[in-house]
Amino acid sequence: MIRVGVFGAGGRVGKLIIDDLHHESEISLGAVYVRNELNFSIDPSVLVTNDMNVLLKSSDVIIDFSLPEATQRLLECAIENPRPLVIGTTGMDAHQLNLLKTASESMPILYATNMSLGVALLNKLVYAASKTLKDFDIEIVEQHHRHKKDAPSGTALTLAHSAAAGRQLDLDAVRVSGRDGNIGERTKDEIAVMALRGGDIVGRHTVGFYNEGEFVELHHTATSRNTFSKGSIRAAKWLVGKENGLYNISDCLELGE
């Protein structure tokens, strides 16, 4: 039986992971990390700790849905106590992403800004559409609940990277994430990524390809956070036993290049 450690157990997705693990036969909850105290009941056989090293040593694989600063601390500890890591934290900066790559030299890590099968496939479709529809303008709109802290969402940025890759563009050079005032005409290569926040929207992403006389829009809507929790559990089962390295959700789902 694979023992899972949940980092970020008090978050929305963390709680769902704990619930969803009850229905698994090959994998079970072994430990959870909490900074202060757990605000919900849990099976007494599960280890509850505020020591990251104890969490790592007590788990066969860690699932992390937390905040960038917390993920950074987890990675720093994991370099000393390597364990397979499934990380779904978004909003990480360049230093934290570089740390992720460094840590993956010592352990297998699966990092994904979105754990759903639909979004994994959407990235493939966006790449293909961007490559094929070379003269179409690309605009991405993402919608999330009012409590989301990072913008644009990690998923939207991943989709934007897929779009840029389809045209062999550097996303940092062409990304636009806001328009205001007399800014002039839209440039040919720019890829817009816009964020909307409100209510309890779990997540909706639209990638549009617009040309004179026609347009194509690709949509994905998450109606439940369980799509993320179940996807991360599937990734954890897949990751255990893999060689050291940095993997993505497409690797797990075997979607290919």
C-alpha atoms as a PDB file:
ATOM      1  CA  MET A   1       0.000   0.000   0.000  1.00  0.00           C
ATOM      2  CA  ILE A   2       1.398   3.399  -1.012  1.00  0.00           C
ATOM      3  CA  ARG A   3       1.413   5.885   1.878  1.00  0.00           C
ATOM      4  CA  VAL A   4       0.540   9.447   0.877  1.00  0.00           C
ATOM      5  CA  GLY A   5       1.581  12.525   2.792  1.00  0.00           C
ATOM      6  CA  VAL A   6      -0.617  15.568   2.192  1.00  0.00           C
ATOM      7  CA  PHE A   7       1.063  18.961   2.404  1.00  0.00           C
ATOM      8  CA  GLY A   8      -1.437  21.815   2.502  1.00  0.00           C
ATOM      9  CA  ALA A   9      -4.038  19.579   4.156  1.00  0.00           C
ATOM     10  CA  GLY A  10      -6.097  22.538   5.386  1.00  0.00           C
ATOM     11  CA  GLY A  11      -6.684  23.977   1.917  1.00  0.00           C
ATOM     12  CA  ARG A  12      -9.686  23.392  -0.323  1.00  0.00           C
ATOM     13  CA  VAL A  13      -7.996  20.789  -2.507  1.00  0.00           C
ATOM     14  CA  GLY A  14      -6.042  19.278   0.394  1.00  0.00           C
ATOM     15  CA  LYS A  15      -9.250  18.380   2.212  1.00  0.00           C
ATOM     16  CA  LEU A  16     -10.681  16.817  -0.947  1.00  0.00           C
ATOM     17  CA  ILE A  17      -7.531  14.717  -1.416  1.00  0.00           C
ATOM     18  CA  ILE A  18      -7.964  13.361   2.104  1.00  0.00           C
ATOM     19  CA  ASP A  19     -11.624  12.516   1.399  1.00  0.00           C
ATOM     20  CA  ASP A  20     -10.908  10.964  -2.002  1.00  0.00           C
ATOM     21  CA  LEU A  21      -8.139   8.766  -0.603  1.00  0.00           C
ATOM     22  CA  HIS A  22     -10.791   6.934   1.456  1.00  0.00           C
ATOM     23  CA  HIS A  23     -12.103   5.414  -1.787  1.00  0.00           C
ATOM     24  CA  GLU A  24      -8.723   4.145  -3.040  1.00  0.00           C
ATOM     25  CA  SER A  25      -7.507   0.548  -2.772  1.00  0.00           C
ATOM     26  CA  GLU A  26      -3.859   0.908  -3.865  1.00  0.00           C
ATOM     27  CA  ILE A  27      -2.995   4.085  -2.003  1.00  0.00           C
ATOM     28  CA  SER A  28      -3.886   5.466   1.415  1.00  0.00           C
ATOM     29  CA  LEU A  29      -3.429   8.526   3.601  1.00  0.00           C
ATOM     30  CA  GLY A  30      -0.386   8.100   5.833  1.00  0.00           C
ATOM     31  CA  ALA A  31       0.410  11.578   7.121  1.00  0.00           C
ATOM     32  CA  VAL A  32      -0.662  15.212   6.915  1.00  0.00           C
ATOM     33  CA  TYR A  33       1.295  18.378   7.559  1.00  0.00           C
ATOM     34  CA  VAL A  34      -0.313  21.259   9.457  1.00  0.00           C
ATOM     35  CA  ARG A  35       1.352  24.449  10.627  1.00  0.00           C
ATOM     36  CA  ASN A  36      -0.739  24.878  13.787  1.00  0.00           C
ATOM     37  CA  GLU A  37      -3.650  22.510  14.327  1.00  0.00           C
ATOM     38  CA  LEU A  38      -6.005  20.510  12.139  1.00  0.00           C
ATOM     39  CA  ASN A  39      -9.441  22.135  11.961  1.00  0.00           C
ATOM     40  CA  PHE A  40     -11.302  18.958  11.007  1.00  0.00           C
ATOM     41  CA  SER A  41     -11.420  15.371  12.219  1.00  0.00           C
ATOM     42  CA  ILE A  42      -9.204  12.698  10.714  1.00  0.00           C
ATOM     43  CA  ASP A  43      -8.629   8.975  11.197  1.00  0.00           C
ATOM     44  CA  PRO A  44      -6.538   8.534  14.373  1.00  0.00           C
ATOM     45  CA  SER A  45      -4.194   6.161  12.525  1.00  0.00           C
ATOM     46  CA  VAL A  46      -3.002   9.042  10.310  1.00  0.00           C
ATOM     47  CA  LEU A  47       0.104  10.890  11.464  1.00  0.00           C
ATOM     48  CA  VAL A  48      -0.480  14.624  11.969  1.00  0.00           C
ATOM     49  CA  THR A  49       2.738  16.650  12.142  1.00  0.00           C
ATOM     50  CA  ASN A  50       4.115  20.170  11.822  1.00  0.00           C
ATOM     51  CA  ASP A  51       7.601  18.845  11.039  1.00  0.00           C
ATOM     52  CA  MET A  52       8.304  18.600   7.303  1.00  0.00           C
ATOM     53  CA  ASN A  53      11.107  16.102   7.785  1.00  0.00           C
ATOM     54  CA  VAL A  54       8.785  13.796   9.737  1.00  0.00           C
ATOM     55  CA  LEU A  55       6.195  14.116   6.954  1.00  0.00           C
ATOM     56  CA  LEU A  56       8.769  13.185   4.317  1.00  0.00           C
ATOM     57  CA  LYS A  57      10.159  10.214   6.237  1.00  0.00           C
ATOM     58  CA  SER A  58       6.645   8.896   6.960  1.00  0.00           C
ATOM     59  CA  SER A  59       5.402   8.984   3.347  1.00  0.00           C
ATOM     60  CA  ASP A  60       6.053   7.135   0.108  1.00  0.00           C
ATOM     61  CA  VAL A  61       4.889  10.153  -1.909  1.00  0.00           C
ATOM     62  CA  ILE A  62       3.829  13.707  -1.042  1.00  0.00           C
ATOM     63  CA  ILE A  63       0.967  15.630  -2.633  1.00  0.00           C
ATOM     64  CA  ASP A  64       1.320  19.400  -2.257  1.00  0.00           C
ATOM     65  CA  PHE A  65      -1.388  21.982  -2.918  1.00  0.00           C
ATOM     66  CA  SER A  66      -0.214  24.936  -0.847  1.00  0.00           C
ATOM     67  CA  LEU A  67       1.309  28.382  -1.349  1.00  0.00           C
ATOM     68  CA  PRO A  68       4.579  29.188  -3.165  1.00  0.00           C
ATOM     69  CA  GLU A  69       6.491  29.992   0.021  1.00  0.00           C
ATOM     70  CA  ALA A  70       5.353  26.747   1.639  1.00  0.00           C
ATOM     71  CA  THR A  71       6.255  24.710  -1.446  1.00  0.00           C
ATOM     72  CA  GLN A  72       9.690  26.318  -1.416  1.00  0.00           C
ATOM     73  CA  ARG A  73      10.254  25.155   2.173  1.00  0.00           C
ATOM     74  CA  LEU A  74       9.024  21.663   1.264  1.00  0.00           C
ATOM     75  CA  LEU A  75      11.459  21.469  -1.663  1.00  0.00           C
ATOM     76  CA  GLU A  76      14.357  22.649   0.502  1.00  0.00           C
ATOM     77  CA  CYS A  77      13.601  19.908   3.047  1.00  0.00           C
ATOM     78  CA  ALA A  78      13.011  17.284   0.363  1.00  0.00           C
ATOM     79  CA  ILE A  79      16.472  17.865  -1.093  1.00  0.00           C
ATOM     80  CA  GLU A  80      17.811  16.565   2.251  1.00  0.00           C
ATOM     81  CA  ASN A  81      15.143  13.808   2.512  1.00  0.00           C
ATOM     82  CA  PRO A  82      14.143  12.932  -1.071  1.00  0.00           C
ATOM     83  CA  ARG A  83      10.647  11.587  -1.738  1.00  0.00           C
ATOM     84  CA  PRO A  84       8.454  11.557  -4.848  1.00  0.00           C
ATOM     85  CA  LEU A  85       6.519  14.834  -4.942  1.00  0.00           C
ATOM     86  CA  VAL A  86       3.303  15.744  -6.740  1.00  0.00           C
ATOM     87  CA  ILE A  87       3.042  19.530  -6.736  1.00  0.00           C
ATOM     88  CA  GLY A  88      -0.019  21.499  -7.806  1.00  0.00           C
ATOM     89  CA  THR A  89       0.916  24.846  -6.263  1.00  0.00           C
ATOM     90  CA  THR A  90       0.571  27.805  -8.634  1.00  0.00           C
ATOM     91  CA  GLY A  91       2.028  31.307  -8.604  1.00  0.00           C
ATOM     92  CA  MET A  92       5.644  30.259  -8.015  1.00  0.00           C
ATOM     93  CA  ASP A  93       8.374  32.724  -8.950  1.00  0.00           C
ATOM     94  CA  ALA A  94      11.520  32.065 -10.991  1.00  0.00           C
ATOM     95  CA  HIS A  95      13.612  31.118  -7.940  1.00  0.00           C
ATOM     96  CA  GLN A  96      11.018  28.604  -6.755  1.00  0.00           C
ATOM     97  CA  LEU A  97      10.695  27.067 -10.211  1.00  0.00           C
ATOM     98  CA  ASN A  98      14.484  26.752 -10.445  1.00  0.00           C
ATOM     99  CA  LEU A  99      14.494  25.106  -7.015  1.00  0.00           C
ATOM    100  CA  LEU A 100      11.870  22.678  -8.335  1.00  0.00           C
ATOM    101  CA  LYS A 101      14.179  21.714 -11.202  1.00  0.00           C
ATOM    102  CA  THR A 102      17.154  21.332  -8.857  1.00  0.00           C
ATOM    103  CA  ALA A 103      15.166  19.118  -6.473  1.00  0.00           C
ATOM    104  CA  SER A 104      14.036  16.904  -9.358  1.00  0.00           C
ATOM    105  CA  GLU A 105      17.652  15.825  -9.824  1.00  0.00           C
ATOM    106  CA  SER A 106      17.373  13.985  -6.491  1.00  0.00           C
ATOM    107  CA  MET A 107      13.803  12.646  -6.719  1.00  0.00           C
ATOM    108  CA  PRO A 108      10.910  12.238  -9.158  1.00  0.00           C
ATOM    109  CA  ILE A 109       8.663  15.315  -9.151  1.00  0.00           C
ATOM    110  CA  LEU A 110       5.436  15.784 -11.080  1.00  0.00           C
ATOM    111  CA  TYR A 111       4.549  19.465 -11.347  1.00  0.00           C
ATOM    112  CA  ALA A 112       1.329  20.627 -12.951  1.00  0.00           C
ATOM    113  CA  THR A 113      -0.572  23.896 -12.750  1.00  0.00           C
ATOM    114  CA  ASN A 114      -3.722  21.861 -13.349  1.00  0.00           C
ATOM    115  CA  MET A 115      -4.230  18.159 -12.624  1.00  0.00           C
ATOM    116  CA  SER A 116      -7.297  17.580 -14.796  1.00  0.00           C
ATOM    117  CA  LEU A 117      -7.371  15.336 -17.868  1.00  0.00           C
ATOM    118  CA  GLY A 118      -9.390  17.946 -19.758  1.00  0.00           C
ATOM    119  CA  VAL A 119      -6.810  20.699 -19.297  1.00  0.00           C
ATOM    120  CA  ALA A 120      -3.960  18.339 -20.208  1.00  0.00           C
ATOM    121  CA  LEU A 121      -5.731  17.618 -23.502  1.00  0.00           C
ATOM    122  CA  LEU A 122      -6.586  21.308 -23.955  1.00  0.00           C
ATOM    123  CA  ASN A 123      -2.878  22.173 -23.875  1.00  0.00           C
ATOM    124  CA  LYS A 124      -2.270  19.739 -26.732  1.00  0.00           C
ATOM    125  CA  LEU A 125      -5.141  21.245 -28.726  1.00  0.00           C
ATOM    126  CA  VAL A 126      -3.916  24.793 -28.093  1.00  0.00           C
ATOM    127  CA  TYR A 127      -0.432  23.923 -29.330  1.00  0.00           C
ATOM    128  CA  ALA A 128      -1.837  22.343 -32.503  1.00  0.00           C
ATOM    129  CA  ALA A 129      -4.257  25.205 -33.163  1.00  0.00           C
ATOM    130  CA  SER A 130      -1.579  27.847 -32.603  1.00  0.00           C
ATOM    131  CA  LYS A 131       0.778  26.096 -34.995  1.00  0.00           C
ATOM    132  CA  THR A 132      -1.891  25.633 -37.668  1.00  0.00           C
ATOM    133  CA  LEU A 133      -3.762  28.956 -37.384  1.00  0.00           C
ATOM    134  CA  LYS A 134      -0.659  31.098 -37.786  1.00  0.00           C
ATOM    135  CA  ASP A 135      -2.445  34.309 -38.793  1.00  0.00           C
ATOM    136  CA  PHE A 136      -5.059  34.174 -36.023  1.00  0.00           C
ATOM    137  CA  ASP A 137      -4.855  36.446 -32.960  1.00  0.00           C
ATOM    138  CA  ILE A 138      -4.622  34.543 -29.662  1.00  0.00           C
ATOM    139  CA  GLU A 139      -6.540  35.726 -26.591  1.00  0.00           C
ATOM    140  CA  ILE A 140      -6.843  33.752 -23.341  1.00  0.00           C
ATOM    141  CA  VAL A 141      -9.403  34.495 -20.621  1.00  0.00           C
ATOM    142  CA  GLU A 142      -9.483  32.737 -17.264  1.00  0.00           C
ATOM    143  CA  GLN A 143     -12.156  32.979 -14.566  1.00  0.00           C
ATOM    144  CA  HIS A 144     -11.820  31.957 -10.918  1.00  0.00           C
ATOM    145  CA  HIS A 145     -13.428  32.496  -7.513  1.00  0.00           C
ATOM    146  CA  ARG A 146     -12.893  35.688  -5.568  1.00  0.00           C
ATOM    147  CA  HIS A 147     -10.417  34.067  -3.147  1.00  0.00           C
ATOM    148  CA  LYS A 148      -7.753  33.102  -5.712  1.00  0.00           C
ATOM    149  CA  LYS A 149      -4.548  34.978  -4.963  1.00  0.00           C
ATOM    150  CA  ASP A 150      -2.419  34.659  -8.128  1.00  0.00           C
ATOM    151  CA  ALA A 151      -3.277  36.106 -11.530  1.00  0.00           C
ATOM    152  CA  PRO A 152      -3.202  35.096 -14.281  1.00  0.00           C
ATOM    153  CA  SER A 153      -3.832  31.545 -13.143  1.00  0.00           C
ATOM    154  CA  GLY A 154      -1.102  28.961 -13.497  1.00  0.00           C
ATOM    155  CA  THR A 155      -3.319  27.057 -15.893  1.00  0.00           C
ATOM    156  CA  ALA A 156      -3.775  30.114 -18.117  1.00  0.00           C
ATOM    157  CA  LEU A 157      -0.030  30.706 -18.203  1.00  0.00           C
ATOM    158  CA  THR A 158       0.584  27.065 -19.107  1.00  0.00           C
ATOM    159  CA  LEU A 159      -1.935  27.390 -21.936  1.00  0.00           C
ATOM    160  CA  ALA A 160      -0.185  30.567 -23.054  1.00  0.00           C
ATOM    161  CA  HIS A 161       3.142  28.728 -23.100  1.00  0.00           C
ATOM    162  CA  SER A 162       1.540  26.040 -25.272  1.00  0.00           C
ATOM    163  CA  ALA A 163       0.258  28.705 -27.649  1.00  0.00           C
ATOM    164  CA  ALA A 164       3.645  30.432 -27.801  1.00  0.00           C
ATOM    165  CA  ALA A 165       5.445  27.125 -28.361  1.00  0.00           C
ATOM    166  CA  GLY A 166       3.175  26.400 -31.320  1.00  0.00           C
ATOM    167  CA  ARG A 167       4.602  29.499 -33.018  1.00  0.00           C
ATOM    168  CA  GLN A 168       8.126  29.271 -31.610  1.00  0.00           C
ATOM    169  CA  LEU A 169       7.663  32.491 -29.652  1.00  0.00           C
ATOM    170  CA  ASP A 170       9.098  33.574 -26.296  1.00  0.00           C
ATOM    171  CA  LEU A 171       5.993  34.067 -24.145  1.00  0.00           C
ATOM    172  CA  ASP A 172       7.697  36.635 -21.904  1.00  0.00           C
ATOM    173  CA  ALA A 173       8.319  38.794 -24.979  1.00  0.00           C
ATOM    174  CA  VAL A 174       4.775  38.658 -26.359  1.00  0.00           C
ATOM    175  CA  ARG A 175       2.459  38.252 -23.344  1.00  0.00           C
ATOM    176  CA  VAL A 176      -0.049  41.010 -22.538  1.00  0.00           C
ATOM    177  CA  SER A 177      -2.001  40.775 -19.285  1.00  0.00           C
ATOM    178  CA  GLY A 178      -3.872  44.085 -19.312  1.00  0.00           C
ATOM    179  CA  ARG A 179      -5.045  46.828 -21.662  1.00  0.00           C
ATOM    180  CA  ASP A 180      -6.032  50.347 -20.690  1.00  0.00           C
ATOM    181  CA  GLY A 181      -6.116  53.663 -22.480  1.00  0.00           C
ATOM    182  CA  ASN A 182      -4.951  54.554 -25.994  1.00  0.00           C
ATOM    183  CA  ILE A 183      -2.520  51.666 -26.422  1.00  0.00           C
ATOM    184  CA  GLY A 184      -2.590  51.430 -30.207  1.00  0.00           C
ATOM    185  CA  GLU A 185      -3.450  48.481 -32.388  1.00  0.00           C
ATOM    186  CA  ARG A 186      -2.913  44.928 -31.327  1.00  0.00           C
ATOM    187  CA  THR A 187       0.464  43.600 -32.455  1.00  0.00           C
ATOM    188  CA  LYS A 188       0.609  40.459 -34.580  1.00  0.00           C
ATOM    189  CA  ASP A 189       2.452  38.174 -32.176  1.00  0.00           C
ATOM    190  CA  GLU A 190       1.036  39.235 -28.821  1.00  0.00           C
ATOM    191  CA  ILE A 191      -0.744  36.633 -26.704  1.00  0.00           C
ATOM    192  CA  ALA A 192      -3.187  38.142 -24.252  1.00  0.00           C
ATOM    193  CA  VAL A 193      -3.891  36.461 -20.913  1.00  0.00           C
ATOM    194  CA  MET A 194      -6.706  38.120 -18.960  1.00  0.00           C
ATOM    195  CA  ALA A 195      -8.022  37.250 -15.495  1.00  0.00           C
ATOM    196  CA  LEU A 196     -11.552  37.589 -14.105  1.00  0.00           C
ATOM    197  CA  ARG A 197     -12.355  37.037 -10.421  1.00  0.00           C
ATOM    198  CA  GLY A 198     -15.711  36.625  -8.723  1.00  0.00           C
ATOM    199  CA  GLY A 199     -18.078  34.439  -6.765  1.00  0.00           C
ATOM    200  CA  ASP A 200     -17.307  30.744  -6.401  1.00  0.00           C
ATOM    201  CA  ILE A 201     -16.127  29.880  -9.933  1.00  0.00           C
ATOM    202  CA  VAL A 202     -13.950  26.778  -9.651  1.00  0.00           C
ATOM    203  CA  GLY A 203     -12.163  27.504 -12.926  1.00  0.00           C
ATOM    204  CA  ARG A 204     -12.950  28.337 -16.529  1.00  0.00           C
ATOM    205  CA  HIS A 205     -10.416  28.862 -19.312  1.00  0.00           C
ATOM    206  CA  THR A 206     -11.050  30.016 -22.859  1.00  0.00           C
ATOM    207  CA  VAL A 207      -8.380  30.130 -25.551  1.00  0.00           C
ATOM    208  CA  GLY A 208      -9.581  32.002 -28.610  1.00  0.00           C
ATOM    209  CA  PHE A 209      -8.062  32.167 -32.099  1.00  0.00           C
ATOM    210  CA  TYR A 210      -9.507  35.141 -33.981  1.00  0.00           C
ATOM    211  CA  ASN A 211      -9.190  36.059 -37.659  1.00  0.00           C
ATOM    212  CA  GLU A 212     -11.139  38.103 -40.175  1.00  0.00           C
ATOM    213  CA  GLY A 213     -14.345  36.249 -40.981  1.00  0.00           C
ATOM    214  CA  GLU A 214     -13.988  33.437 -38.460  1.00  0.00           C
ATOM    215  CA  PHE A 215     -12.767  32.470 -35.029  1.00  0.00           C
ATOM    216  CA  VAL A 216     -12.220  29.317 -32.999  1.00  0.00           C
ATOM    217  CA  GLU A 217     -12.591  29.111 -29.214  1.00  0.00           C
ATOM    218  CA  LEU A 218     -11.489  26.240 -26.998  1.00  0.00           C
ATOM    219  CA  HIS A 219     -13.076  26.059 -23.543  1.00  0.00           C
ATOM    220  CA  HIS A 220     -12.527  24.104 -20.363  1.00  0.00           C
ATOM    221  CA  THR A 221     -14.728  24.470 -17.290  1.00  0.00           C
ATOM    222  CA  ALA A 222     -14.043  22.796 -13.960  1.00  0.00           C
ATOM    223  CA  THR A 223     -17.318  22.257 -12.106  1.00  0.00           C
ATOM    224  CA  SER A 224     -15.725  20.602  -9.050  1.00  0.00           C
ATOM    225  CA  ARG A 225     -12.322  20.753  -7.358  1.00  0.00           C
ATOM    226  CA  ASN A 226     -12.477  16.968  -7.170  1.00  0.00           C
ATOM    227  CA  THR A 227     -11.110  16.909 -10.703  1.00  0.00           C
ATOM    228  CA  PHE A 228      -7.881  18.330  -9.235  1.00  0.00           C
ATOM    229  CA  SER A 229      -7.773  16.097  -6.153  1.00  0.00           C
ATOM    230  CA  LYS A 230      -8.496  12.901  -8.092  1.00  0.00           C
ATOM    231  CA  GLY A 231      -5.979  13.900 -10.754  1.00  0.00           C
ATOM    232  CA  SER A 232      -3.283  14.409  -8.127  1.00  0.00           C
ATOM    233  CA  ILE A 233      -3.984  10.988  -6.576  1.00  0.00           C
ATOM    234  CA  ARG A 234      -3.711   9.377 -10.016  1.00  0.00           C
ATOM    235  CA  ALA A 235      -0.416  11.228 -10.502  1.00  0.00           C
ATOM    236  CA  ALA A 236       0.896  10.058  -7.109  1.00  0.00           C
ATOM    237  CA  LYS A 237       0.203   6.403  -7.926  1.00  0.00           C
ATOM    238  CA  TRP A 238       1.955   6.835 -11.273  1.00  0.00           C
ATOM    239  CA  LEU A 239       4.984   8.694  -9.869  1.00  0.00           C
ATOM    240  CA  VAL A 240       6.053   6.176  -7.214  1.00  0.00           C
ATOM    241  CA  GLY A 241       8.921   4.121  -8.580  1.00  0.00           C
ATOM    242  CA  LYS A 242       9.800   6.527 -11.397  1.00  0.00           C
ATOM    243  CA  GLU A 243      13.365   7.681 -12.002  1.00  0.00           C
ATOM    244  CA  ASN A 244      14.509  11.074 -10.721  1.00  0.00           C
ATOM    245  CA  GLY A 245      13.393  13.917 -12.954  1.00  0.00           C
ATOM    246  CA  LEU A 246      10.717  16.529 -13.582  1.00  0.00           C
ATOM    247  CA  TYR A 247       7.459  15.199 -15.012  1.00  0.00           C
ATOM    248  CA  ASN A 248       4.194  16.828 -16.057  1.00  0.00           C
ATOM    249  CA  ILE A 249       0.596  15.687 -16.114  1.00  0.00           C
ATOM    250  CA  SER A 250       0.839  14.700 -19.788  1.00  0.00           C
ATOM    251  CA  ASP A 251       3.530  12.177 -18.852  1.00  0.00           C
ATOM    252  CA  CYS A 252       1.192  10.629 -16.302  1.00  0.00           C
ATOM    253  CA  LEU A 253      -1.720  10.499 -18.732  1.00  0.00           C
ATOM    254  CA  GLU A 254       0.549   9.283 -21.572  1.00  0.00           C
ATOM    255  CA  LEU A 255      -0.747  11.926 -23.963  1.00  0.00           C
ATOM    256  CA  GLY A 256       2.577  12.069 -25.813  1.00  0.00           C
ATOM    257  CA  GLU A 257       4.206  15.099 -27.391  1.00  0.00           C
END
